[in-house]
Amino acid sequence: MSYFNQKRLYSPNFSTGSHTSSYNQSRHPNTKKKVLFWLLATFIFFVVVFGFWFTRNILIGLPDVSKINDMIFNEATLIEDRNGEVLYKLFEENREYV
């Protein structure tokens, strides 16, 4: 009867048969860290994939840089009199080639 004395029965180290709390704490101490790690890794993966996709879509829409000298720009149409003075300036987009 010395094993089940009053002190030992109510001590925090005495097991009452419920092993679930000590099992979870001792067996899987890093579960929250693992879940947090995988959530963070998944988030970083999706950010990188979205970054590559966004950059690719931006680069597809850009004009070819090697053909910049061959581009035709819309400029205003000038109507001049016989002395070379500008009478009217017709334009859809008022641009001047610099």
PDB file of N, CA and C in Angstrom:
ATOM      1  N   MET A   1       0.814  -1.192   0.000  1.00  0.00           N
ATOM      2  CA  MET A   1       0.000   0.000   0.000  1.00  0.00           C
ATOM      3  C   MET A   1       0.854   1.250   0.000  1.00  0.00           C
ATOM      4  N   SER A   2       2.126   1.077   0.175  1.00  0.00           N
ATOM      5  CA  SER A   2       2.992   2.251   0.198  1.00  0.00           C
ATOM      6  C   SER A   2       3.095   2.911  -1.183  1.00  0.00           C
ATOM      7  N   TYR A   3       2.847   2.136  -2.243  1.00  0.00           N
ATOM      8  CA  TYR A   3       2.925   2.698  -3.596  1.00  0.00           C
ATOM      9  C   TYR A   3       1.783   3.667  -3.857  1.00  0.00           C
ATOM     10  N   PHE A   4       0.592   3.421  -3.344  1.00  0.00           N
ATOM     11  CA  PHE A   4      -0.570   4.268  -3.571  1.00  0.00           C
ATOM     12  C   PHE A   4      -0.876   5.148  -2.364  1.00  0.00           C
ATOM     13  N   ASN A   5       0.113   5.718  -1.768  1.00  0.00           N
ATOM     14  CA  ASN A   5      -0.153   6.576  -0.621  1.00  0.00           C
ATOM     15  C   ASN A   5      -0.750   7.913  -1.082  1.00  0.00           C
ATOM     16  N   GLN A   6      -1.199   8.687  -0.136  1.00  0.00           N
ATOM     17  CA  GLN A   6      -1.929   9.922  -0.423  1.00  0.00           C
ATOM     18  C   GLN A   6      -1.055  10.929  -1.175  1.00  0.00           C
ATOM     19  N   LYS A   7       0.194  11.065  -0.818  1.00  0.00           N
ATOM     20  CA  LYS A   7       1.074  12.025  -1.482  1.00  0.00           C
ATOM     21  C   LYS A   7       1.288  11.649  -2.945  1.00  0.00           C
ATOM     22  N   ARG A   8       1.573  10.409  -3.163  1.00  0.00           N
ATOM     23  CA  ARG A   8       1.861   9.966  -4.525  1.00  0.00           C
ATOM     24  C   ARG A   8       0.614  10.011  -5.402  1.00  0.00           C
ATOM     25  N   LEU A   9      -0.524   9.763  -4.850  1.00  0.00           N
ATOM     26  CA  LEU A   9      -1.766   9.733  -5.608  1.00  0.00           C
ATOM     27  C   LEU A   9      -2.110  11.105  -6.177  1.00  0.00           C
ATOM     28  N   TYR A  10      -1.835  12.161  -5.426  1.00  0.00           N
ATOM     29  CA  TYR A  10      -2.194  13.505  -5.883  1.00  0.00           C
ATOM     30  C   TYR A  10      -1.008  14.305  -6.416  1.00  0.00           C
ATOM     31  N   SER A  11       0.096  13.673  -6.615  1.00  0.00           N
ATOM     32  CA  SER A  11       1.247  14.383  -7.174  1.00  0.00           C
ATOM     33  C   SER A  11       1.047  14.556  -8.682  1.00  0.00           C
ATOM     34  N   PRO A  12       1.630  15.591  -9.284  1.00  0.00           N
ATOM     35  CA  PRO A  12       1.432  15.822 -10.719  1.00  0.00           C
ATOM     36  C   PRO A  12       2.057  14.751 -11.597  1.00  0.00           C
ATOM     37  N   ASN A  13       2.971  13.961 -11.090  1.00  0.00           N
ATOM     38  CA  ASN A  13       3.620  12.931 -11.891  1.00  0.00           C
ATOM     39  C   ASN A  13       2.863  11.613 -11.895  1.00  0.00           C
ATOM     40  N   PHE A  14       1.852  11.476 -11.065  1.00  0.00           N
ATOM     41  CA  PHE A  14       1.119  10.227 -10.962  1.00  0.00           C
ATOM     42  C   PHE A  14       0.137  10.121 -12.124  1.00  0.00           C
ATOM     43  N   SER A  15       0.191   9.040 -12.845  1.00  0.00           N
ATOM     44  CA  SER A  15      -0.679   8.835 -13.993  1.00  0.00           C
ATOM     45  C   SER A  15      -2.004   8.234 -13.545  1.00  0.00           C
ATOM     46  N   THR A  16      -3.103   8.808 -14.016  1.00  0.00           N
ATOM     47  CA  THR A  16      -4.428   8.302 -13.645  1.00  0.00           C
ATOM     48  C   THR A  16      -5.028   7.450 -14.746  1.00  0.00           C
ATOM     49  N   GLY A  17      -4.271   7.155 -15.760  1.00  0.00           N
ATOM     50  CA  GLY A  17      -4.789   6.317 -16.826  1.00  0.00           C
ATOM     51  C   GLY A  17      -5.027   7.089 -18.114  1.00  0.00           C
ATOM     52  N   SER A  18      -5.028   8.375 -18.065  1.00  0.00           N
ATOM     53  CA  SER A  18      -5.228   9.183 -19.265  1.00  0.00           C
ATOM     54  C   SER A  18      -3.866   9.516 -19.862  1.00  0.00           C
ATOM     55  N   HIS A  19      -3.522   8.840 -20.911  1.00  0.00           N
ATOM     56  CA  HIS A  19      -2.205   9.020 -21.521  1.00  0.00           C
ATOM     57  C   HIS A  19      -2.250   9.938 -22.739  1.00  0.00           C
ATOM     58  N   THR A  20      -3.390  10.490 -23.068  1.00  0.00           N
ATOM     59  CA  THR A  20      -3.484  11.275 -24.303  1.00  0.00           C
ATOM     60  C   THR A  20      -2.728  12.591 -24.214  1.00  0.00           C
ATOM     61  N   SER A  21      -2.804  13.278 -23.078  1.00  0.00           N
ATOM     62  CA  SER A  21      -2.128  14.567 -22.998  1.00  0.00           C
ATOM     63  C   SER A  21      -0.614  14.392 -22.978  1.00  0.00           C
ATOM     64  N   SER A  22      -0.112  13.436 -22.218  1.00  0.00           N
ATOM     65  CA  SER A  22       1.333  13.229 -22.187  1.00  0.00           C
ATOM     66  C   SER A  22       1.804  12.625 -23.508  1.00  0.00           C
ATOM     67  N   TYR A  23       0.966  11.826 -24.150  1.00  0.00           N
ATOM     68  CA  TYR A  23       1.325  11.237 -25.438  1.00  0.00           C
ATOM     69  C   TYR A  23       1.479  12.328 -26.484  1.00  0.00           C
ATOM     70  N   ASN A  24       0.525  13.245 -26.543  1.00  0.00           N
ATOM     71  CA  ASN A  24       0.588  14.301 -27.547  1.00  0.00           C
ATOM     72  C   ASN A  24       1.765  15.237 -27.309  1.00  0.00           C
ATOM     73  N   GLN A  25       2.057  15.515 -26.060  1.00  0.00           N
ATOM     74  CA  GLN A  25       3.138  16.439 -25.768  1.00  0.00           C
ATOM     75  C   GLN A  25       4.503  15.805 -26.000  1.00  0.00           C
ATOM     76  N   SER A  26       4.664  14.567 -25.626  1.00  0.00           N
ATOM     77  CA  SER A  26       5.982  13.954 -25.748  1.00  0.00           C
ATOM     78  C   SER A  26       6.214  13.376 -27.142  1.00  0.00           C
ATOM     79  N   ARG A  27       5.172  12.917 -27.795  1.00  0.00           N
ATOM     80  CA  ARG A  27       5.336  12.229 -29.069  1.00  0.00           C
ATOM     81  C   ARG A  27       5.407  13.195 -30.247  1.00  0.00           C
ATOM     82  N   HIS A  28       4.626  14.277 -30.234  1.00  0.00           N
ATOM     83  CA  HIS A  28       4.557  15.222 -31.345  1.00  0.00           C
ATOM     84  C   HIS A  28       4.764  16.659 -30.859  1.00  0.00           C
ATOM     85  N   PRO A  29       5.948  16.997 -30.408  1.00  0.00           N
ATOM     86  CA  PRO A  29       6.134  18.343 -29.862  1.00  0.00           C
ATOM     87  C   PRO A  29       6.222  19.425 -30.934  1.00  0.00           C
ATOM     88  N   ASN A  30       6.532  19.095 -32.175  1.00  0.00           N
ATOM     89  CA  ASN A  30       6.766  20.101 -33.207  1.00  0.00           C
ATOM     90  C   ASN A  30       5.655  20.165 -34.243  1.00  0.00           C
ATOM     91  N   THR A  31       4.458  19.749 -33.920  1.00  0.00           N
ATOM     92  CA  THR A  31       3.369  19.736 -34.893  1.00  0.00           C
ATOM     93  C   THR A  31       3.034  21.142 -35.360  1.00  0.00           C
ATOM     94  N   LYS A  32       2.946  22.093 -34.445  1.00  0.00           N
ATOM     95  CA  LYS A  32       2.630  23.472 -34.829  1.00  0.00           C
ATOM     96  C   LYS A  32       3.730  24.064 -35.691  1.00  0.00           C
ATOM     97  N   LYS A  33       4.965  23.742 -35.375  1.00  0.00           N
ATOM     98  CA  LYS A  33       6.083  24.250 -36.174  1.00  0.00           C
ATOM     99  C   LYS A  33       6.053  23.677 -37.582  1.00  0.00           C
ATOM    100  N   LYS A  34       5.713  22.397 -37.692  1.00  0.00           N
ATOM    101  CA  LYS A  34       5.644  21.767 -39.008  1.00  0.00           C
ATOM    102  C   LYS A  34       4.523  22.366 -39.844  1.00  0.00           C
ATOM    103  N   VAL A  35       3.369  22.563 -39.237  1.00  0.00           N
ATOM    104  CA  VAL A  35       2.237  23.152 -39.959  1.00  0.00           C
ATOM    105  C   VAL A  35       2.576  24.567 -40.390  1.00  0.00           C
ATOM    106  N   LEU A  36       3.177  25.346 -39.508  1.00  0.00           N
ATOM    107  CA  LEU A  36       3.572  26.711 -39.840  1.00  0.00           C
ATOM    108  C   LEU A  36       4.609  26.718 -40.953  1.00  0.00           C
ATOM    109  N   PHE A  37       5.565  25.802 -40.889  1.00  0.00           N
ATOM    110  CA  PHE A  37       6.582  25.705 -41.934  1.00  0.00           C
ATOM    111  C   PHE A  37       5.959  25.399 -43.286  1.00  0.00           C
ATOM    112  N   TRP A  38       5.045  24.430 -43.342  1.00  0.00           N
ATOM    113  CA  TRP A  38       4.442  24.059 -44.623  1.00  0.00           C
ATOM    114  C   TRP A  38       3.518  25.146 -45.153  1.00  0.00           C
ATOM    115  N   LEU A  39       2.823  25.851 -44.276  1.00  0.00           N
ATOM    116  CA  LEU A  39       2.003  26.980 -44.732  1.00  0.00           C
ATOM    117  C   LEU A  39       2.881  28.080 -45.309  1.00  0.00           C
ATOM    118  N   LEU A  40       3.975  28.381 -44.643  1.00  0.00           N
ATOM    119  CA  LEU A  40       4.895  29.403 -45.130  1.00  0.00           C
ATOM    120  C   LEU A  40       5.552  28.969 -46.437  1.00  0.00           C
ATOM    121  N   ALA A  41       5.957  27.717 -46.535  1.00  0.00           N
ATOM    122  CA  ALA A  41       6.574  27.205 -47.762  1.00  0.00           C
ATOM    123  C   ALA A  41       5.586  27.241 -48.922  1.00  0.00           C
ATOM    124  N   THR A  42       4.329  26.891 -48.671  1.00  0.00           N
ATOM    125  CA  THR A  42       3.305  26.939 -49.716  1.00  0.00           C
ATOM    126  C   THR A  42       3.055  28.372 -50.159  1.00  0.00           C
ATOM    127  N   PHE A  43       2.988  29.299 -49.216  1.00  0.00           N
ATOM    128  CA  PHE A  43       2.789  30.707 -49.549  1.00  0.00           C
ATOM    129  C   PHE A  43       3.942  31.237 -50.400  1.00  0.00           C
ATOM    130  N   ILE A  44       5.173  30.931 -50.015  1.00  0.00           N
ATOM    131  CA  ILE A  44       6.337  31.387 -50.784  1.00  0.00           C
ATOM    132  C   ILE A  44       6.329  30.772 -52.174  1.00  0.00           C
ATOM    133  N   PHE A  45       5.965  29.506 -52.289  1.00  0.00           N
ATOM    134  CA  PHE A  45       5.884  28.850 -53.594  1.00  0.00           C
ATOM    135  C   PHE A  45       4.894  29.570 -54.506  1.00  0.00           C
ATOM    136  N   PHE A  46       3.697  29.881 -53.990  1.00  0.00           N
ATOM    137  CA  PHE A  46       2.700  30.554 -54.808  1.00  0.00           C
ATOM    138  C   PHE A  46       3.118  31.975 -55.166  1.00  0.00           C
ATOM    139  N   VAL A  47       3.822  32.663 -54.281  1.00  0.00           N
ATOM    140  CA  VAL A  47       4.315  34.008 -54.596  1.00  0.00           C
ATOM    141  C   VAL A  47       5.340  33.944 -55.724  1.00  0.00           C
ATOM    142  N   VAL A  48       6.235  32.972 -55.683  1.00  0.00           N
ATOM    143  CA  VAL A  48       7.249  32.830 -56.732  1.00  0.00           C
ATOM    144  C   VAL A  48       6.595  32.468 -58.062  1.00  0.00           C
ATOM    145  N   VAL A  49       5.655  31.534 -58.047  1.00  0.00           N
ATOM    146  CA  VAL A  49       4.963  31.142 -59.285  1.00  0.00           C
ATOM    147  C   VAL A  49       4.193  32.326 -59.855  1.00  0.00           C
ATOM    148  N   PHE A  50       3.478  33.067 -59.011  1.00  0.00           N
ATOM    149  CA  PHE A  50       2.749  34.241 -59.474  1.00  0.00           C
ATOM    150  C   PHE A  50       3.704  35.292 -60.022  1.00  0.00           C
ATOM    151  N   GLY A  51       4.868  35.475 -59.409  1.00  0.00           N
ATOM    152  CA  GLY A  51       5.857  36.443 -59.892  1.00  0.00           C
ATOM    153  C   GLY A  51       6.363  36.082 -61.278  1.00  0.00           C
ATOM    154  N   PHE A  52       6.687  34.814 -61.502  1.00  0.00           N
ATOM    155  CA  PHE A  52       7.128  34.384 -62.830  1.00  0.00           C
ATOM    156  C   PHE A  52       6.016  34.548 -63.859  1.00  0.00           C
ATOM    157  N   TRP A  53       4.795  34.179 -63.504  1.00  0.00           N
ATOM    158  CA  TRP A  53       3.666  34.303 -64.429  1.00  0.00           C
ATOM    159  C   TRP A  53       3.414  35.768 -64.782  1.00  0.00           C
ATOM    160  N   PHE A  54       3.433  36.643 -63.791  1.00  0.00           N
ATOM    161  CA  PHE A  54       3.185  38.067 -64.013  1.00  0.00           C
ATOM    162  C   PHE A  54       4.283  38.675 -64.885  1.00  0.00           C
ATOM    163  N   THR A  55       5.542  38.338 -64.604  1.00  0.00           N
ATOM    164  CA  THR A  55       6.659  38.854 -65.396  1.00  0.00           C
ATOM    165  C   THR A  55       6.574  38.365 -66.833  1.00  0.00           C
ATOM    166  N   ARG A  56       6.221  37.113 -67.024  1.00  0.00           N
ATOM    167  CA  ARG A  56       6.098  36.573 -68.382  1.00  0.00           C
ATOM    168  C   ARG A  56       5.000  37.291 -69.151  1.00  0.00           C
ATOM    169  N   ASN A  57       3.867  37.550 -68.516  1.00  0.00           N
ATOM    170  CA  ASN A  57       2.775  38.240 -69.196  1.00  0.00           C
ATOM    171  C   ASN A  57       3.136  39.676 -69.533  1.00  0.00           C
ATOM    172  N   ILE A  58       3.904  40.340 -68.698  1.00  0.00           N
ATOM    173  CA  ILE A  58       4.341  41.703 -68.992  1.00  0.00           C
ATOM    174  C   ILE A  58       5.318  41.695 -70.160  1.00  0.00           C
ATOM    175  N   LEU A  59       6.264  40.761 -70.158  1.00  0.00           N
ATOM    176  CA  LEU A  59       7.279  40.726 -71.210  1.00  0.00           C
ATOM    177  C   LEU A  59       6.701  40.331 -72.564  1.00  0.00           C
ATOM    178  N   ILE A  60       5.628  39.563 -72.592  1.00  0.00           N
ATOM    179  CA  ILE A  60       5.017  39.172 -73.864  1.00  0.00           C
ATOM    180  C   ILE A  60       4.425  40.387 -74.570  1.00  0.00           C
ATOM    181  N   GLY A  61       3.869  41.330 -73.823  1.00  0.00           N
ATOM    182  CA  GLY A  61       3.207  42.483 -74.413  1.00  0.00           C
ATOM    183  C   GLY A  61       4.130  43.607 -74.841  1.00  0.00           C
ATOM    184  N   LEU A  62       5.412  43.529 -74.517  1.00  0.00           N
ATOM    185  CA  LEU A  62       6.338  44.601 -74.874  1.00  0.00           C
ATOM    186  C   LEU A  62       6.780  44.476 -76.328  1.00  0.00           C
ATOM    187  N   PRO A  63       7.003  45.609 -77.005  1.00  0.00           N
ATOM    188  CA  PRO A  63       7.483  45.540 -78.394  1.00  0.00           C
ATOM    189  C   PRO A  63       8.950  45.119 -78.446  1.00  0.00           C
ATOM    190  N   ASP A  64       9.373  44.660 -79.625  1.00  0.00           N
ATOM    191  CA  ASP A  64      10.747  44.228 -79.823  1.00  0.00           C
ATOM    192  C   ASP A  64      11.663  45.451 -79.848  1.00  0.00           C
ATOM    193  N   VAL A  65      12.698  45.451 -79.039  1.00  0.00           N
ATOM    194  CA  VAL A  65      13.591  46.603 -78.922  1.00  0.00           C
ATOM    195  C   VAL A  65      14.440  46.773 -80.179  1.00  0.00           C
ATOM    196  N   SER A  66      14.757  45.705 -80.874  1.00  0.00           N
ATOM    197  CA  SER A  66      15.604  45.806 -82.065  1.00  0.00           C
ATOM    198  C   SER A  66      14.888  46.491 -83.223  1.00  0.00           C
ATOM    199  N   LYS A  67      13.571  46.601 -83.174  1.00  0.00           N
ATOM    200  CA  LYS A  67      12.813  47.226 -84.261  1.00  0.00           C
ATOM    201  C   LYS A  67      12.361  48.644 -83.921  1.00  0.00           C
ATOM    202  N   ILE A  68      12.994  49.282 -82.947  1.00  0.00           N
ATOM    203  CA  ILE A  68      12.550  50.604 -82.517  1.00  0.00           C
ATOM    204  C   ILE A  68      12.813  51.664 -83.585  1.00  0.00           C
ATOM    205  N   ASN A  69      13.852  51.492 -84.397  1.00  0.00           N
ATOM    206  CA  ASN A  69      14.149  52.477 -85.446  1.00  0.00           C
ATOM    207  C   ASN A  69      13.168  52.387 -86.608  1.00  0.00           C
ATOM    208  N   ASP A  70      12.506  51.261 -86.787  1.00  0.00           N
ATOM    209  CA  ASP A  70      11.567  51.075 -87.890  1.00  0.00           C
ATOM    210  C   ASP A  70      10.134  51.456 -87.529  1.00  0.00           C
ATOM    211  N   MET A  71       9.894  51.874 -86.305  1.00  0.00           N
ATOM    212  CA  MET A  71       8.530  52.178 -85.879  1.00  0.00           C
ATOM    213  C   MET A  71       8.041  53.478 -86.507  1.00  0.00           C
ATOM    214  N   ILE A  72       6.762  53.518 -86.828  1.00  0.00           N
ATOM    215  CA  ILE A  72       6.125  54.709 -87.388  1.00  0.00           C
ATOM    216  C   ILE A  72       5.276  55.330 -86.291  1.00  0.00           C
ATOM    217  N   PHE A  73       5.569  56.584 -85.991  1.00  0.00           N
ATOM    218  CA  PHE A  73       4.841  57.282 -84.944  1.00  0.00           C
ATOM    219  C   PHE A  73       3.763  58.150 -85.564  1.00  0.00           C
ATOM    220  N   ASN A  74       2.626  58.260 -84.923  1.00  0.00           N
ATOM    221  CA  ASN A  74       1.550  59.131 -85.383  1.00  0.00           C
ATOM    222  C   ASN A  74       1.890  60.571 -85.011  1.00  0.00           C
ATOM    223  N   GLU A  75       1.974  61.409 -86.035  1.00  0.00           N
ATOM    224  CA  GLU A  75       2.243  62.820 -85.799  1.00  0.00           C
ATOM    225  C   GLU A  75       1.083  63.636 -86.345  1.00  0.00           C
ATOM    226  N   ALA A  76       1.049  64.884 -85.956  1.00  0.00           N
ATOM    227  CA  ALA A  76      -0.008  65.776 -86.432  1.00  0.00           C
ATOM    228  C   ALA A  76       0.226  66.117 -87.909  1.00  0.00           C
ATOM    229  N   THR A  77      -0.884  66.323 -88.647  1.00  0.00           N
ATOM    230  CA  THR A  77      -0.819  66.755 -90.039  1.00  0.00           C
ATOM    231  C   THR A  77      -0.821  68.279 -90.062  1.00  0.00           C
ATOM    232  N   LEU A  78       0.173  68.845 -90.760  1.00  0.00           N
ATOM    233  CA  LEU A  78       0.285  70.300 -90.836  1.00  0.00           C
ATOM    234  C   LEU A  78      -0.199  70.782 -92.195  1.00  0.00           C
ATOM    235  N   ILE A  79      -1.064  71.772 -92.212  1.00  0.00           N
ATOM    236  CA  ILE A  79      -1.515  72.414 -93.452  1.00  0.00           C
ATOM    237  C   ILE A  79      -0.872  73.799 -93.476  1.00  0.00           C
ATOM    238  N   GLU A  80      -0.042  74.008 -94.515  1.00  0.00           N
ATOM    239  CA  GLU A  80       0.714  75.249 -94.613  1.00  0.00           C
ATOM    240  C   GLU A  80       0.245  76.058 -95.819  1.00  0.00           C
ATOM    241  N   ASP A  81       0.496  77.348 -95.762  1.00  0.00           N
ATOM    242  CA  ASP A  81       0.214  78.184 -96.933  1.00  0.00           C
ATOM    243  C   ASP A  81       1.438  78.183 -97.842  1.00  0.00           C
ATOM    244  N   ARG A  82       1.402  78.966 -98.926  1.00  0.00           N
ATOM    245  CA  ARG A  82       2.497  78.931 -99.895  1.00  0.00           C
ATOM    246  C   ARG A  82       3.801  79.514 -99.349  1.00  0.00           C
ATOM    247  N   ASN A  83       3.731  80.264 -98.258  1.00  0.00           N
ATOM    248  CA  ASN A  83       4.942  80.829 -97.667  1.00  0.00           C
ATOM    249  C   ASN A  83       5.549  79.914 -96.595  1.00  0.00           C
ATOM    250  N   GLY A  84       4.907  78.804 -96.263  1.00  0.00           N
ATOM    251  CA  GLY A  84       5.436  77.853 -95.289  1.00  0.00           C
ATOM    252  C   GLY A  84       4.931  78.066 -93.877  1.00  0.00           C
ATOM    253  N   GLU A  85       3.972  78.993 -93.721  1.00  0.00           N
ATOM    254  CA  GLU A  85       3.415  79.210 -92.392  1.00  0.00           C
ATOM    255  C   GLU A  85       2.317  78.177 -92.120  1.00  0.00           C
ATOM    256  N   VAL A  86       2.251  77.707 -90.906  1.00  0.00           N
ATOM    257  CA  VAL A  86       1.272  76.689 -90.532  1.00  0.00           C
ATOM    258  C   VAL A  86      -0.083  77.355 -90.352  1.00  0.00           C
ATOM    259  N   LEU A  87      -1.079  76.896 -91.167  1.00  0.00           N
ATOM    260  CA  LEU A  87      -2.436  77.411 -91.044  1.00  0.00           C
ATOM    261  C   LEU A  87      -3.252  76.556 -90.078  1.00  0.00           C
ATOM    262  N   TYR A  88      -3.172  75.243 -90.253  1.00  0.00           N
ATOM    263  CA  TYR A  88      -3.948  74.317 -89.424  1.00  0.00           C
ATOM    264  C   TYR A  88      -3.062  73.146 -89.005  1.00  0.00           C
ATOM    265  N   LYS A  89      -3.409  72.607 -87.859  1.00  0.00           N
ATOM    266  CA  LYS A  89      -2.722  71.423 -87.356  1.00  0.00           C
ATOM    267  C   LYS A  89      -3.796  70.393 -87.025  1.00  0.00           C
ATOM    268  N   LEU A  90      -3.873  69.325 -87.832  1.00  0.00           N
ATOM    269  CA  LEU A  90      -4.874  68.272 -87.641  1.00  0.00           C
ATOM    270  C   LEU A  90      -4.212  67.075 -86.959  1.00  0.00           C
ATOM    271  N   PHE A  91      -4.876  66.578 -85.930  1.00  0.00           N
ATOM    272  CA  PHE A  91      -4.282  65.440 -85.223  1.00  0.00           C
ATOM    273  C   PHE A  91      -5.350  64.666 -84.481  1.00  0.00           C
ATOM    274  N   GLU A  92      -5.116  63.386 -84.388  1.00  0.00           N
ATOM    275  CA  GLU A  92      -5.892  62.548 -83.479  1.00  0.00           C
ATOM    276  C   GLU A  92      -5.139  62.462 -82.151  1.00  0.00           C
ATOM    277  N   GLU A  93      -3.841  62.311 -82.280  1.00  0.00           N
ATOM    278  CA  GLU A  93      -2.952  62.356 -81.124  1.00  0.00           C
ATOM    279  C   GLU A  93      -1.892  63.400 -81.443  1.00  0.00           C
ATOM    280  N   ASN A  94      -1.789  64.420 -80.634  1.00  0.00           N
ATOM    281  CA  ASN A  94      -0.852  65.508 -80.895  1.00  0.00           C
ATOM    282  C   ASN A  94       0.543  65.104 -80.423  1.00  0.00           C
ATOM    283  N   ARG A  95       1.288  64.460 -81.340  1.00  0.00           N
ATOM    284  CA  ARG A  95       2.633  64.010 -81.010  1.00  0.00           C
ATOM    285  C   ARG A  95       3.624  64.641 -81.973  1.00  0.00           C
ATOM    286  N   GLU A  96       4.811  64.879 -81.471  1.00  0.00           N
ATOM    287  CA  GLU A  96       5.899  65.381 -82.306  1.00  0.00           C
ATOM    288  C   GLU A  96       7.087  64.449 -82.146  1.00  0.00           C
ATOM    289  N   TYR A  97       7.696  64.082 -83.273  1.00  0.00           N
ATOM    290  CA  TYR A  97       8.875  63.218 -83.243  1.00  0.00           C
ATOM    291  C   TYR A  97      10.069  64.050 -82.796  1.00  0.00           C
ATOM    292  N   VAL A  98      10.750  63.606 -81.780  1.00  0.00           N
ATOM    293  CA  VAL A  98      11.888  64.359 -81.228  1.00  0.00           C
ATOM    294  C   VAL A  98      13.166  63.686 -81.646  1.00  0.00           C
TER     295      VAL A  98
END
